[in-house]
């Protein structure tokens, strides 16, 4: 199933940083930002996470909830969250099944070599559970949180 703006977001249930289950059906009702990243505490992933952290007050004004999703386990997420003071929840998808449904896992090109892996991407889900915005491949992790904030602000105006 490909992610399409205007269509229903695929259902999911994943474990969060605290070992609790988080399901889309339980969190919809607000705008939800799901950003997919390859691995905790790596350079690009840290820049992206810290970007969301640094914009947290402005993101909060939109009422959106932010969730980072990677294959890392809850223990790794806890260390990453504590080390960088991340104010949002991280979700674990070790099987990558949810990422596949969100077009965030698949073939990618790394330094001219094709590999399978997590595709850095982001989805904004509207309060009704529909995909409002989808970035299929995020090129600059450090700049991306600002683009997400701008998209959220535009959605609030519409």
Protein backbone atom coordinates (compact mmCIF):
# COMPACT_ATOMS: atom_id res chain seq x y z
CA UNK A 1 0.00 0.00 0.00
CA UNK A 2 1.51 3.30 -1.05
CA UNK A 3 1.05 6.38 1.07
CA UNK A 4 -1.14 8.95 -0.66
CA UNK A 5 -2.09 12.39 0.52
CA UNK A 6 -5.83 12.53 1.18
CA UNK A 7 -6.09 8.78 1.83
CA UNK A 8 -6.37 7.02 5.18
CA UNK A 9 -3.09 6.49 6.99
CA UNK A 10 -2.27 2.80 7.57
CA UNK A 11 -3.12 1.56 11.04
CA UNK A 12 -0.27 0.68 13.36
CA UNK A 13 0.52 -0.34 16.91
CA UNK A 14 4.12 0.05 18.07
CA UNK A 15 5.99 0.12 21.37
CA UNK A 16 7.20 3.50 22.62
CA UNK A 17 10.21 4.66 24.62
CA UNK A 18 8.57 3.49 27.87
CA UNK A 19 7.53 0.08 26.57
CA UNK A 20 3.88 1.16 26.19
CA UNK A 21 1.79 0.36 23.11
CA UNK A 22 0.89 3.29 20.85
CA UNK A 23 -1.81 2.72 18.22
CA UNK A 24 -2.92 5.17 15.54
CA UNK A 25 -6.56 4.60 16.51
CA UNK A 26 -5.76 5.81 20.05
CA UNK A 27 -3.83 8.96 19.13
CA UNK A 28 -5.76 10.38 16.19
CA UNK A 29 -7.82 13.48 16.78
CA UNK A 30 -4.88 15.89 16.45
CA UNK A 31 -2.32 16.35 13.73
CA UNK A 32 0.32 13.65 14.03
CA UNK A 33 3.85 13.90 12.68
CA UNK A 34 5.50 10.54 12.06
CA UNK A 35 9.11 10.96 11.08
CA UNK A 36 11.05 7.87 10.07
CA UNK A 37 14.79 7.68 10.69
CA UNK A 38 17.40 4.91 10.40
CA UNK A 39 19.07 4.80 13.82
CA UNK A 40 19.31 6.48 17.22
CA UNK A 41 22.34 8.64 17.99
CA UNK A 42 23.78 8.79 14.47
CA UNK A 43 24.76 12.17 12.99
CA UNK A 44 21.83 12.82 10.62
CA UNK A 45 19.25 11.28 12.93
CA UNK A 46 20.50 13.32 15.87
CA UNK A 47 20.35 16.56 13.85
CA UNK A 48 16.78 15.82 12.81
CA UNK A 49 15.64 14.86 16.33
CA UNK A 50 17.30 17.92 17.85
CA UNK A 51 15.66 20.08 15.18
CA UNK A 52 12.23 18.88 16.28
CA UNK A 53 13.29 19.44 19.91
CA UNK A 54 14.47 22.98 19.20
CA UNK A 55 11.18 23.83 17.45
CA UNK A 56 9.10 22.09 20.10
CA UNK A 57 7.42 25.25 21.45
CA UNK A 58 6.34 26.31 17.95
CA UNK A 59 5.19 22.80 17.05
CA UNK A 60 3.22 22.73 20.30
CA UNK A 61 1.30 25.83 19.20
CA UNK A 62 -0.09 23.81 16.28
CA UNK A 63 -1.34 21.09 18.63
CA UNK A 64 0.51 18.41 16.68
CA UNK A 65 1.97 15.30 18.28
CA UNK A 66 5.41 14.19 17.07
CA UNK A 67 6.61 10.59 16.95
CA UNK A 68 9.98 9.43 15.69
CA UNK A 69 10.00 5.88 14.29
CA UNK A 70 13.07 3.65 13.86
CA UNK A 71 13.93 -0.04 14.18
CA UNK A 72 15.74 0.64 17.51
CA UNK A 73 14.37 -0.86 20.73
CA UNK A 74 12.90 1.00 23.72
CA UNK A 75 16.20 0.92 25.64
CA UNK A 76 18.04 2.59 22.75
CA UNK A 77 15.23 5.15 22.46
CA UNK A 78 15.45 5.90 26.20
CA UNK A 79 19.19 6.60 25.99
CA UNK A 80 18.73 8.76 22.87
CA UNK A 81 15.85 10.70 24.47
CA UNK A 82 17.77 11.30 27.70
CA UNK A 83 21.04 12.24 25.99
CA UNK A 84 19.42 14.95 23.85
CA UNK A 85 16.43 15.93 26.00
CA UNK A 86 13.87 14.96 23.37
CA UNK A 87 10.36 16.09 24.43
CA UNK A 88 8.49 13.71 22.10
CA UNK A 89 7.94 9.99 21.94
CA UNK A 90 9.99 7.53 19.88
CA UNK A 91 8.41 4.34 18.52
CA UNK A 92 10.11 1.01 17.82
CA UNK A 93 9.49 -0.92 14.60
CA UNK A 94 12.10 -3.71 14.72
CA UNK A 95 10.31 -5.78 12.06
CA UNK A 96 10.03 -2.72 9.77
CA UNK A 97 6.49 -3.81 8.82
CA UNK A 98 4.94 -0.48 9.75
CA UNK A 99 7.72 1.36 7.92
CA UNK A 100 7.02 -0.72 4.82
CA UNK A 101 3.33 0.29 4.95
CA UNK A 102 4.42 3.93 5.18
CA UNK A 103 6.92 3.65 2.28
CA UNK A 104 9.72 4.28 4.80
CA UNK A 105 11.61 1.04 4.25
CA UNK A 106 12.89 -0.22 0.94
CA UNK A 107 15.59 0.12 -1.65
CA UNK A 108 17.80 3.16 -1.35
CA UNK A 109 21.00 4.35 -2.94
CA UNK A 110 23.96 4.87 -0.59
CA UNK A 111 27.11 6.20 -2.24
CA UNK A 112 26.15 4.62 -5.55
CA UNK A 113 25.32 1.23 -4.00
CA UNK A 114 21.73 -0.01 -3.80
CA UNK A 115 20.79 -1.33 -0.37
CA UNK A 116 17.65 -2.07 1.62
CA UNK A 117 17.07 0.18 4.58
CA UNK A 118 15.05 2.82 6.37
CA UNK A 119 14.17 5.72 4.08
CA UNK A 120 14.25 9.02 5.96
CA UNK A 121 10.73 10.33 5.39
CA UNK A 122 7.87 12.05 7.19
CA UNK A 123 4.09 11.82 7.19
CA UNK A 124 1.63 14.30 8.69
CA UNK A 125 -1.70 12.68 9.56
CA UNK A 126 -4.72 14.94 9.99
CA UNK A 127 -7.19 14.63 12.90
CA UNK A 128 -9.45 12.33 10.83
CA UNK A 129 -6.61 9.86 10.22
CA UNK A 130 -5.90 10.89 6.63
CA UNK A 131 -2.45 11.65 5.21
CA UNK A 132 -2.18 15.44 4.98
CA UNK A 133 1.45 15.63 3.80
CA UNK A 134 4.13 13.12 2.85
CA UNK A 135 7.82 13.75 2.30
CA UNK A 136 9.00 10.58 0.52
CA UNK A 137 12.71 11.16 0.93
CA UNK A 138 14.20 13.76 3.24
CA UNK A 139 17.49 14.99 1.82
CA UNK A 140 18.65 17.36 4.58
CA UNK A 141 17.80 16.01 8.03
CA UNK A 142 18.89 19.18 9.83
CA UNK A 143 16.60 21.44 7.75
CA UNK A 144 13.58 19.14 7.67
CA UNK A 145 11.94 19.95 11.05
CA UNK A 146 11.52 23.59 9.96
CA UNK A 147 9.73 22.41 6.79
CA UNK A 148 7.44 20.22 8.89
CA UNK A 149 6.64 23.17 11.17
CA UNK A 150 5.82 25.36 8.16
CA UNK A 151 3.54 22.65 6.75
CA UNK A 152 1.75 22.31 10.11
CA UNK A 153 1.27 26.07 10.30
CA UNK A 154 -0.16 26.10 6.77
CA UNK A 155 -2.53 23.24 7.64
CA UNK A 156 -3.76 25.17 10.68
CA UNK A 157 -4.67 28.13 8.44
CA UNK A 158 -6.56 26.05 5.89
